[in-house]
Full PDB file with SEQRES, HELIX, SHEET, SSBOND, CRYST1, ORIGX, SCALE, CONECT and MASTER records, all heavy atoms in Angstrom:
SEQRES   1 A   36  LEU HIS ASN ASN ASN ILE GLU LEU LYS LEU CYS ASN ASP          
SEQRES   2 A   36  GLU ASN LEU SER PRO LEU LEU SER GLU ILE SER ASP PRO          
SEQRES   3 A   36  PRO ILE GLY VAL TYR VAL LYS GLY THR LEU                      
HELIX    1 AA1 HIS A    2  ASN A    4  5                                   3    
HELIX    2 AA2 PRO A   18  GLU A   22  5                                   5    
SHEET    1 AA1 2 ILE A   6  LEU A  10  0                                        
SHEET    2 AA1 2 GLY A  29  LYS A  33 -1                                        
CRYST1    1.000    1.000    1.000  90.00  90.00  90.00 P 1           1          
ORIGX1      1.000000  0.000000  0.000000        0.00000                         
ORIGX2      0.000000  1.000000  0.000000        0.00000                         
ORIGX3      0.000000  0.000000  1.000000        0.00000                         
SCALE1      1.000000  0.000000  0.000000        0.00000                         
SCALE2      0.000000  1.000000  0.000000        0.00000                         
SCALE3      0.000000  0.000000  1.000000        0.00000                         
ATOM      1  N   LEU A   1       0.839  -1.199   0.000  1.00  0.00           N  
ATOM      2  CA  LEU A   1       0.000   0.000   0.000  1.00  0.00           C  
ATOM      3  C   LEU A   1       0.874   1.249   0.000  1.00  0.00           C  
ATOM      4  O   LEU A   1       0.681   2.156  -0.814  1.00  0.00           O  
ATOM      5  CB  LEU A   1      -0.934   0.005   1.213  1.00  0.00           C  
ATOM      6  CG  LEU A   1      -1.924  -1.159   1.335  1.00  0.00           C  
ATOM      7  CD1 LEU A   1      -2.806  -0.976   2.560  1.00  0.00           C  
ATOM      8  CD2 LEU A   1      -2.782  -1.289   0.090  1.00  0.00           C  
ATOM      9  N   HIS A   2       1.827   1.301   0.911  1.00  0.00           N  
ATOM     10  CA  HIS A   2       2.688   2.476   1.016  1.00  0.00           C  
ATOM     11  C   HIS A   2       3.529   2.648  -0.247  1.00  0.00           C  
ATOM     12  O   HIS A   2       3.735   3.778  -0.709  1.00  0.00           O  
ATOM     13  CB  HIS A   2       3.579   2.364   2.250  1.00  0.00           C  
ATOM     14  CG  HIS A   2       2.825   2.477   3.537  1.00  0.00           C  
ATOM     15  ND1 HIS A   2       2.412   3.687   4.053  1.00  0.00           N  
ATOM     16  CD2 HIS A   2       2.390   1.537   4.410  1.00  0.00           C  
ATOM     17  CE1 HIS A   2       1.755   3.494   5.181  1.00  0.00           C  
ATOM     18  NE2 HIS A   2       1.726   2.194   5.425  1.00  0.00           N  
ATOM     19  N   ASN A   3       4.009   1.548  -0.799  1.00  0.00           N  
ATOM     20  CA  ASN A   3       4.838   1.622  -2.003  1.00  0.00           C  
ATOM     21  C   ASN A   3       4.065   2.157  -3.209  1.00  0.00           C  
ATOM     22  O   ASN A   3       4.660   2.657  -4.162  1.00  0.00           O  
ATOM     23  CB  ASN A   3       5.417   0.243  -2.342  1.00  0.00           C  
ATOM     24  CG  ASN A   3       6.413  -0.232  -1.308  1.00  0.00           C  
ATOM     25  OD1 ASN A   3       6.976   0.562  -0.546  1.00  0.00           O  
ATOM     26  ND2 ASN A   3       6.637  -1.538  -1.247  1.00  0.00           N  
ATOM     27  N   ASN A   4       2.748   2.023  -3.156  1.00  0.00           N  
ATOM     28  CA  ASN A   4       1.909   2.505  -4.255  1.00  0.00           C  
ATOM     29  C   ASN A   4       1.105   3.746  -3.863  1.00  0.00           C  
ATOM     30  O   ASN A   4       0.132   4.102  -4.542  1.00  0.00           O  
ATOM     31  CB  ASN A   4       0.958   1.389  -4.702  1.00  0.00           C  
ATOM     32  CG  ASN A   4       1.668   0.287  -5.466  1.00  0.00           C  
ATOM     33  OD1 ASN A   4       1.902   0.408  -6.666  1.00  0.00           O  
ATOM     34  ND2 ASN A   4       2.039  -0.791  -4.766  1.00  0.00           N  
ATOM     35  N   ASN A   5       1.534   4.397  -2.778  1.00  0.00           N  
ATOM     36  CA  ASN A   5       0.890   5.643  -2.313  1.00  0.00           C  
ATOM     37  C   ASN A   5      -0.599   5.467  -2.060  1.00  0.00           C  
ATOM     38  O   ASN A   5      -1.424   6.308  -2.446  1.00  0.00           O  
ATOM     39  CB  ASN A   5       1.124   6.765  -3.328  1.00  0.00           C  
ATOM     40  CG  ASN A   5       2.595   7.069  -3.534  1.00  0.00           C  
ATOM     41  OD1 ASN A   5       3.335   7.232  -2.565  1.00  0.00           O  
ATOM     42  ND2 ASN A   5       3.030   7.126  -4.782  1.00  0.00           N  
ATOM     43  N   ILE A   6      -0.930   4.357  -1.410  1.00  0.00           N  
ATOM     44  CA  ILE A   6      -2.315   4.047  -1.082  1.00  0.00           C  
ATOM     45  C   ILE A   6      -2.464   4.032   0.433  1.00  0.00           C  
ATOM     46  O   ILE A   6      -1.616   3.512   1.149  1.00  0.00           O  
ATOM     47  CB  ILE A   6      -2.731   2.684  -1.667  1.00  0.00           C  
ATOM     48  CG1 ILE A   6      -2.703   2.741  -3.200  1.00  0.00           C  
ATOM     49  CG2 ILE A   6      -4.116   2.270  -1.174  1.00  0.00           C  
ATOM     50  CD1 ILE A   6      -2.819   1.389  -3.859  1.00  0.00           C  
ATOM     51  N   GLU A   7      -3.550   4.600   0.905  1.00  0.00           N  
ATOM     52  CA  GLU A   7      -3.818   4.642   2.345  1.00  0.00           C  
ATOM     53  C   GLU A   7      -5.144   3.955   2.646  1.00  0.00           C  
ATOM     54  O   GLU A   7      -6.126   4.134   1.919  1.00  0.00           O  
ATOM     55  CB  GLU A   7      -3.860   6.085   2.839  1.00  0.00           C  
ATOM     56  CG  GLU A   7      -4.055   6.212   4.341  1.00  0.00           C  
ATOM     57  CD  GLU A   7      -4.046   7.645   4.832  1.00  0.00           C  
ATOM     58  OE1 GLU A   7      -3.870   8.553   3.995  1.00  0.00           O  
ATOM     59  OE2 GLU A   7      -4.227   7.857   6.049  1.00  0.00           O  
ATOM     60  N   LEU A   8      -5.153   3.164   3.701  1.00  0.00           N  
ATOM     61  CA  LEU A   8      -6.394   2.559   4.180  1.00  0.00           C  
ATOM     62  C   LEU A   8      -7.037   3.512   5.178  1.00  0.00           C  
ATOM     63  O   LEU A   8      -6.447   3.825   6.208  1.00  0.00           O  
ATOM     64  CB  LEU A   8      -6.111   1.208   4.839  1.00  0.00           C  
ATOM     65  CG  LEU A   8      -7.287   0.535   5.560  1.00  0.00           C  
ATOM     66  CD1 LEU A   8      -8.455   0.295   4.607  1.00  0.00           C  
ATOM     67  CD2 LEU A   8      -6.843  -0.776   6.202  1.00  0.00           C  
ATOM     68  N   LYS A   9      -8.213   3.995   4.854  1.00  0.00           N  
ATOM     69  CA  LYS A   9      -8.934   4.906   5.741  1.00  0.00           C  
ATOM     70  C   LYS A   9     -10.183   4.218   6.270  1.00  0.00           C  
ATOM     71  O   LYS A   9     -10.917   3.584   5.508  1.00  0.00           O  
ATOM     72  CB  LYS A   9      -9.330   6.191   4.999  1.00  0.00           C  
ATOM     73  CG  LYS A   9      -8.130   7.071   4.619  1.00  0.00           C  
ATOM     74  CD  LYS A   9      -8.595   8.347   3.943  1.00  0.00           C  
ATOM     75  CE  LYS A   9      -7.426   9.272   3.633  1.00  0.00           C  
ATOM     76  NZ  LYS A   9      -6.820   9.825   4.866  1.00  0.00           N  
ATOM     77  N   LEU A  10     -10.415   4.349   7.557  1.00  0.00           N  
ATOM     78  CA  LEU A  10     -11.602   3.766   8.166  1.00  0.00           C  
ATOM     79  C   LEU A  10     -12.751   4.760   8.106  1.00  0.00           C  
ATOM     80  O   LEU A  10     -12.551   5.963   7.931  1.00  0.00           O  
ATOM     81  CB  LEU A  10     -11.301   3.366   9.608  1.00  0.00           C  
ATOM     82  CG  LEU A  10     -10.085   2.451   9.792  1.00  0.00           C  
ATOM     83  CD1 LEU A  10      -9.942   2.051  11.257  1.00  0.00           C  
ATOM     84  CD2 LEU A  10     -10.184   1.216   8.906  1.00  0.00           C  
ATOM     85  N   CYS A  11     -13.962   4.258   8.275  1.00  0.00           N  
ATOM     86  CA  CYS A  11     -15.137   5.109   8.111  1.00  0.00           C  
ATOM     87  C   CYS A  11     -15.160   6.295   9.069  1.00  0.00           C  
ATOM     88  O   CYS A  11     -15.795   7.306   8.785  1.00  0.00           O  
ATOM     89  CB  CYS A  11     -16.414   4.284   8.274  1.00  0.00           C  
ATOM     90  SG  CYS A  11     -16.839   3.349   6.790  1.00  0.00           S  
ATOM     91  N   ASN A  12     -14.484   6.180  10.213  1.00  0.00           N  
ATOM     92  CA  ASN A  12     -14.475   7.282  11.175  1.00  0.00           C  
ATOM     93  C   ASN A  12     -13.284   8.219  11.003  1.00  0.00           C  
ATOM     94  O   ASN A  12     -13.083   9.126  11.802  1.00  0.00           O  
ATOM     95  CB  ASN A  12     -14.510   6.737  12.610  1.00  0.00           C  
ATOM     96  CG  ASN A  12     -13.329   5.828  12.923  1.00  0.00           C  
ATOM     97  OD1 ASN A  12     -12.516   5.534  12.042  1.00  0.00           O  
ATOM     98  ND2 ASN A  12     -13.234   5.373  14.163  1.00  0.00           N  
ATOM     99  N   ASP A  13     -12.483   8.012   9.954  1.00  0.00           N  
ATOM    100  CA  ASP A  13     -11.366   8.919   9.699  1.00  0.00           C  
ATOM    101  C   ASP A  13     -11.892  10.312   9.347  1.00  0.00           C  
ATOM    102  O   ASP A  13     -12.910  10.446   8.657  1.00  0.00           O  
ATOM    103  CB  ASP A  13     -10.492   8.402   8.545  1.00  0.00           C  
ATOM    104  CG  ASP A  13      -9.538   7.307   9.003  1.00  0.00           C  
ATOM    105  OD1 ASP A  13      -9.622   6.920  10.174  1.00  0.00           O  
ATOM    106  OD2 ASP A  13      -8.710   6.854   8.195  1.00  0.00           O  
ATOM    107  N   GLU A  14     -11.173  11.339   9.790  1.00  0.00           N  
ATOM    108  CA  GLU A  14     -11.635  12.713   9.627  1.00  0.00           C  
ATOM    109  C   GLU A  14     -11.815  13.111   8.166  1.00  0.00           C  
ATOM    110  O   GLU A  14     -12.721  13.862   7.824  1.00  0.00           O  
ATOM    111  CB  GLU A  14     -10.658  13.682  10.304  1.00  0.00           C  
ATOM    112  CG  GLU A  14     -10.668  13.594  11.827  1.00  0.00           C  
ATOM    113  CD  GLU A  14      -9.747  14.616  12.457  1.00  0.00           C  
ATOM    114  OE1 GLU A  14      -9.094  15.366  11.698  1.00  0.00           O  
ATOM    115  OE2 GLU A  14      -9.678  14.674  13.691  1.00  0.00           O  
ATOM    116  N   ASN A  15     -10.936  12.631   7.287  1.00  0.00           N  
ATOM    117  CA  ASN A  15     -10.974  13.073   5.896  1.00  0.00           C  
ATOM    118  C   ASN A  15     -12.062  12.411   5.061  1.00  0.00           C  
ATOM    119  O   ASN A  15     -12.262  12.777   3.912  1.00  0.00           O  
ATOM    120  CB  ASN A  15      -9.618  12.828   5.226  1.00  0.00           C  
ATOM    121  CG  ASN A  15      -8.560  13.783   5.740  1.00  0.00           C  
ATOM    122  OD1 ASN A  15      -8.878  14.819   6.309  1.00  0.00           O  
ATOM    123  ND2 ASN A  15      -7.301  13.438   5.540  1.00  0.00           N  
ATOM    124  N   LEU A  16     -12.746  11.424   5.632  1.00  0.00           N  
ATOM    125  CA  LEU A  16     -13.839  10.773   4.905  1.00  0.00           C  
ATOM    126  C   LEU A  16     -15.159  11.446   5.245  1.00  0.00           C  
ATOM    127  O   LEU A  16     -15.389  11.865   6.381  1.00  0.00           O  
ATOM    128  CB  LEU A  16     -13.911   9.289   5.254  1.00  0.00           C  
ATOM    129  CG  LEU A  16     -12.838   8.376   4.666  1.00  0.00           C  
ATOM    130  CD1 LEU A  16     -13.094   6.940   5.093  1.00  0.00           C  
ATOM    131  CD2 LEU A  16     -12.791   8.464   3.151  1.00  0.00           C  
ATOM    132  N   SER A  17     -16.032  11.531   4.249  1.00  0.00           N  
ATOM    133  CA  SER A  17     -17.346  12.112   4.491  1.00  0.00           C  
ATOM    134  C   SER A  17     -18.116  11.247   5.492  1.00  0.00           C  
ATOM    135  O   SER A  17     -18.145  10.018   5.368  1.00  0.00           O  
ATOM    136  CB  SER A  17     -18.126  12.200   3.178  1.00  0.00           C  
ATOM    137  OG  SER A  17     -19.479  12.535   3.435  1.00  0.00           O  
ATOM    138  N   PRO A  18     -18.765  11.865   6.483  1.00  0.00           N  
ATOM    139  CA  PRO A  18     -19.581  11.090   7.436  1.00  0.00           C  
ATOM    140  C   PRO A  18     -20.740  10.375   6.759  1.00  0.00           C  
ATOM    141  O   PRO A  18     -21.311   9.440   7.314  1.00  0.00           O  
ATOM    142  CB  PRO A  18     -20.072  12.155   8.430  1.00  0.00           C  
ATOM    143  CG  PRO A  18     -19.951  13.458   7.699  1.00  0.00           C  
ATOM    144  CD  PRO A  18     -18.774  13.304   6.788  1.00  0.00           C  
ATOM    145  N   LEU A  19     -21.076  10.808   5.534  1.00  0.00           N  
ATOM    146  CA  LEU A  19     -22.161  10.158   4.805  1.00  0.00           C  
ATOM    147  C   LEU A  19     -21.828   8.706   4.479  1.00  0.00           C  
ATOM    148  O   LEU A  19     -22.729   7.893   4.281  1.00  0.00           O  
ATOM    149  CB  LEU A  19     -22.461  10.925   3.515  1.00  0.00           C  
ATOM    150  CG  LEU A  19     -23.023  12.346   3.676  1.00  0.00           C  
ATOM    151  CD1 LEU A  19     -23.161  13.013   2.317  1.00  0.00           C  
ATOM    152  CD2 LEU A  19     -24.359  12.314   4.393  1.00  0.00           C  
ATOM    153  N   LEU A  20     -20.521   8.380   4.421  1.00  0.00           N  
ATOM    154  CA  LEU A  20     -20.122   7.015   4.092  1.00  0.00           C  
ATOM    155  C   LEU A  20     -20.665   6.017   5.100  1.00  0.00           C  
ATOM    156  O   LEU A  20     -21.075   4.910   4.746  1.00  0.00           O  
ATOM    157  CB  LEU A  20     -18.594   6.913   4.017  1.00  0.00           C  
ATOM    158  CG  LEU A  20     -18.014   5.552   3.630  1.00  0.00           C  
ATOM    159  CD1 LEU A  20     -18.464   5.152   2.232  1.00  0.00           C  
ATOM    160  CD2 LEU A  20     -16.494   5.566   3.711  1.00  0.00           C  
ATOM    161  N   SER A  21     -20.674   6.410   6.362  1.00  0.00           N  
ATOM    162  CA  SER A  21     -21.149   5.494   7.407  1.00  0.00           C  
ATOM    163  C   SER A  21     -22.674   5.383   7.427  1.00  0.00           C  
ATOM    164  O   SER A  21     -23.219   4.551   8.148  1.00  0.00           O  
ATOM    165  CB  SER A  21     -20.656   5.958   8.781  1.00  0.00           C  
ATOM    166  OG  SER A  21     -21.149   7.256   9.074  1.00  0.00           O  
ATOM    167  N   GLU A  22     -23.354   6.213   6.618  1.00  0.00           N  
ATOM    168  CA  GLU A  22     -24.808   6.203   6.607  1.00  0.00           C  
ATOM    169  C   GLU A  22     -25.395   5.393   5.449  1.00  0.00           C  
ATOM    170  O   GLU A  22     -26.608   5.201   5.380  1.00  0.00           O  
ATOM    171  CB  GLU A  22     -25.339   7.643   6.534  1.00  0.00           C  
ATOM    172  CG  GLU A  22     -24.961   8.479   7.751  1.00  0.00           C  
ATOM    173  CD  GLU A  22     -25.448   9.911   7.639  1.00  0.00           C  
ATOM    174  OE1 GLU A  22     -26.286  10.177   6.736  1.00  0.00           O  
ATOM    175  OE2 GLU A  22     -25.009  10.757   8.431  1.00  0.00           O  
ATOM    176  N   ILE A  23     -24.528   4.923   4.542  1.00  0.00           N  
ATOM    177  CA  ILE A  23     -25.057   4.140   3.421  1.00  0.00           C  
ATOM    178  C   ILE A  23     -25.446   2.746   3.888  1.00  0.00           C  
ATOM    179  O   ILE A  23     -25.083   2.323   4.989  1.00  0.00           O  
ATOM    180  CB  ILE A  23     -24.033   4.038   2.264  1.00  0.00           C  
ATOM    181  CG1 ILE A  23     -22.820   3.185   2.691  1.00  0.00           C  
ATOM    182  CG2 ILE A  23     -23.602   5.404   1.793  1.00  0.00           C  
ATOM    183  CD1 ILE A  23     -21.868   2.879   1.551  1.00  0.00           C  
ATOM    184  N   SER A  24     -26.170   2.034   3.046  1.00  0.00           N  
ATOM    185  CA  SER A  24     -26.546   0.667   3.368  1.00  0.00           C  
ATOM    186  C   SER A  24     -25.300  -0.214   3.449  1.00  0.00           C  
ATOM    187  O   SER A  24     -24.487  -0.230   2.524  1.00  0.00           O  
ATOM    188  CB  SER A  24     -27.493   0.131   2.288  1.00  0.00           C  
ATOM    189  OG  SER A  24     -27.760  -1.240   2.469  1.00  0.00           O  
ATOM    190  N   ASP A  25     -25.132  -0.903   4.557  1.00  0.00           N  
ATOM    191  CA  ASP A  25     -24.013  -1.823   4.743  1.00  0.00           C  
ATOM    192  C   ASP A  25     -22.666  -1.132   4.455  1.00  0.00           C  
ATOM    193  O   ASP A  25     -21.942  -1.515   3.537  1.00  0.00           O  
ATOM    194  CB  ASP A  25     -24.173  -3.036   3.823  1.00  0.00           C  
ATOM    195  CG  ASP A  25     -23.183  -4.151   4.161  1.00  0.00           C  
ATOM    196  OD1 ASP A  25     -22.783  -4.245   5.329  1.00  0.00           O  
ATOM    197  OD2 ASP A  25     -22.823  -4.903   3.251  1.00  0.00           O  
ATOM    198  N   PRO A  26     -22.326  -0.099   5.230  1.00  0.00           N  
ATOM    199  CA  PRO A  26     -21.083   0.647   4.958  1.00  0.00           C  
ATOM    200  C   PRO A  26     -19.846  -0.233   5.099  1.00  0.00           C  
ATOM    201  O   PRO A  26     -19.834  -1.180   5.888  1.00  0.00           O  
ATOM    202  CB  PRO A  26     -21.093   1.751   6.020  1.00  0.00           C  
ATOM    203  CG  PRO A  26     -21.955   1.212   7.121  1.00  0.00           C  
ATOM    204  CD  PRO A  26     -23.002   0.389   6.443  1.00  0.00           C  
ATOM    205  N   PRO A  27     -18.805   0.063   4.335  1.00  0.00           N  
ATOM    206  CA  PRO A  27     -17.580  -0.742   4.420  1.00  0.00           C  
ATOM    207  C   PRO A  27     -16.840  -0.483   5.733  1.00  0.00           C  
ATOM    208  O   PRO A  27     -17.068   0.537   6.394  1.00  0.00           O  
ATOM    209  CB  PRO A  27     -16.757  -0.247   3.225  1.00  0.00           C  
ATOM    210  CG  PRO A  27     -17.211   1.159   3.024  1.00  0.00           C  
ATOM    211  CD  PRO A  27     -18.678   1.156   3.356  1.00  0.00           C  
ATOM    212  N   ILE A  28     -15.950  -1.399   6.083  1.00  0.00           N  
ATOM    213  CA  ILE A  28     -15.118  -1.205   7.270  1.00  0.00           C  
ATOM    214  C   ILE A  28     -14.189  -0.019   7.057  1.00  0.00           C  
ATOM    215  O   ILE A  28     -13.938   0.789   7.944  1.00  0.00           O  
ATOM    216  CB  ILE A  28     -14.307  -2.476   7.552  1.00  0.00           C  
ATOM    217  CG1 ILE A  28     -15.253  -3.635   7.859  1.00  0.00           C  
ATOM    218  CG2 ILE A  28     -13.308  -2.265   8.688  1.00  0.00           C  
ATOM    219  CD1 ILE A  28     -14.604  -5.008   7.779  1.00  0.00           C  
ATOM    220  N   GLY A  29     -13.704   0.085   5.847  1.00  0.00           N  
ATOM    221  CA  GLY A  29     -12.828   1.181   5.458  1.00  0.00           C  
ATOM    222  C   GLY A  29     -12.679   1.185   3.953  1.00  0.00           C  
ATOM    223  O   GLY A  29     -13.248   0.337   3.260  1.00  0.00           O  
ATOM    224  N   VAL A  30     -11.949   2.156   3.435  1.00  0.00           N  
ATOM    225  CA  VAL A  30     -11.714   2.229   2.000  1.00  0.00           C  
ATOM    226  C   VAL A  30     -10.233   2.498   1.750  1.00  0.00           C  
ATOM    227  O   VAL A  30      -9.549   3.129   2.557  1.00  0.00           O  
ATOM    228  CB  VAL A  30     -12.566   3.332   1.323  1.00  0.00           C  
ATOM    229  CG1 VAL A  30     -14.029   2.968   1.362  1.00  0.00           C  
ATOM    230  CG2 VAL A  30     -12.323   4.694   1.958  1.00  0.00           C  
ATOM    231  N   TYR A  31      -9.764   2.009   0.619  1.00  0.00           N  
ATOM    232  CA  TYR A  31      -8.395   2.254   0.178  1.00  0.00           C  
ATOM    233  C   TYR A  31      -8.407   3.475  -0.732  1.00  0.00           C  
ATOM    234  O   TYR A  31      -9.227   3.555  -1.656  1.00  0.00           O  
ATOM    235  CB  TYR A  31      -7.845   1.036  -0.558  1.00  0.00           C  
ATOM    236  CG  TYR A  31      -7.703  -0.182   0.329  1.00  0.00           C  
ATOM    237  CD1 TYR A  31      -8.769  -1.071   0.504  1.00  0.00           C  
ATOM    238  CD2 TYR A  31      -6.504  -0.452   0.994  1.00  0.00           C  
ATOM    239  CE1 TYR A  31      -8.645  -2.189   1.315  1.00  0.00           C  
ATOM    240  CE2 TYR A  31      -6.371  -1.567   1.805  1.00  0.00           C  
ATOM    241  CZ  TYR A  31      -7.437  -2.428   1.962  1.00  0.00           C  
ATOM    242  OH  TYR A  31      -7.320  -3.539   2.776  1.00  0.00           O  
ATOM    243  N   VAL A  32      -7.502   4.404  -0.472  1.00  0.00           N  
ATOM    244  CA  VAL A  32      -7.501   5.679  -1.188  1.00  0.00           C  
ATOM    245  C   VAL A  32      -6.141   5.928  -1.823  1.00  0.00           C  
ATOM    246  O   VAL A  32      -5.105   5.849  -1.152  1.00  0.00           O  
ATOM    247  CB  VAL A  32      -7.835   6.850  -0.235  1.00  0.00           C  
ATOM    248  CG1 VAL A  32      -7.788   8.178  -0.989  1.00  0.00           C  
ATOM    249  CG2 VAL A  32      -9.196   6.646   0.406  1.00  0.00           C  
ATOM    250  N   LYS A  33      -6.153   6.237  -3.113  1.00  0.00           N  
ATOM    251  CA  LYS A  33      -4.948   6.670  -3.821  1.00  0.00           C  
ATOM    252  C   LYS A  33      -5.197   8.084  -4.317  1.00  0.00           C  
ATOM    253  O   LYS A  33      -6.193   8.340  -4.993  1.00  0.00           O  
ATOM    254  CB  LYS A  33      -4.636   5.753  -5.005  1.00  0.00           C  
ATOM    255  CG  LYS A  33      -3.311   6.088  -5.719  1.00  0.00           C  
ATOM    256  CD  LYS A  33      -3.045   5.101  -6.841  1.00  0.00           C  
ATOM    257  CE  LYS A  33      -1.745   5.408  -7.582  1.00  0.00           C  
ATOM    258  NZ  LYS A  33      -0.554   5.215  -6.741  1.00  0.00           N  
ATOM    259  N   GLY A  34      -4.317   9.009  -3.973  1.00  0.00           N  
ATOM    260  CA  GLY A  34      -4.499  10.397  -4.347  1.00  0.00           C  
ATOM    261  C   GLY A  34      -4.911  11.234  -3.153  1.00  0.00           C  
ATOM    262  O   GLY A  34      -4.636  10.888  -2.005  1.00  0.00           O  
ATOM    263  N   THR A  35      -5.600  12.326  -3.431  1.00  0.00           N  
ATOM    264  CA  THR A  35      -6.016  13.277  -2.394  1.00  0.00           C  
ATOM    265  C   THR A  35      -7.532  13.390  -2.386  1.00  0.00           C  
ATOM    266  O   THR A  35      -8.144  13.648  -3.434  1.00  0.00           O  
ATOM    267  CB  THR A  35      -5.414  14.669  -2.662  1.00  0.00           C  
ATOM    268  OG1 THR A  35      -3.996  14.560  -2.751  1.00  0.00           O  
ATOM    269  CG2 THR A  35      -5.774  15.634  -1.540  1.00  0.00           C  
ATOM    270  N   LEU A  36      -8.126  13.221  -1.215  1.00  0.00           N  
ATOM    271  CA  LEU A  36      -9.576  13.368  -1.114  1.00  0.00           C  
ATOM    272  C   LEU A  36      -9.923  14.853  -1.059  1.00  0.00           C  
ATOM    273  O   LEU A  36      -9.589  15.531  -0.080  1.00  0.00           O  
ATOM    274  CB  LEU A  36     -10.100  12.664   0.138  1.00  0.00           C  
ATOM    275  CG  LEU A  36     -10.098  11.140   0.102  1.00  0.00           C  
ATOM    276  CD1 LEU A  36     -10.481  10.586   1.476  1.00  0.00           C  
ATOM    277  CD2 LEU A  36     -11.059  10.624  -0.957  1.00  0.00           C  
TER     278      LEU A  36                                                      
MASTER        0    0    0    2    2    0    0    6  277    1    0    3          
END                                                                             
């Protein structure tokens, strides 16, 4: 992940929209490449 500039972000991470945790069956986290 680090070698490919990818970060694992959890649903409660500050940079993720709180709306993510409100969808049906939200993921545990998401893998992000780039800048949110």
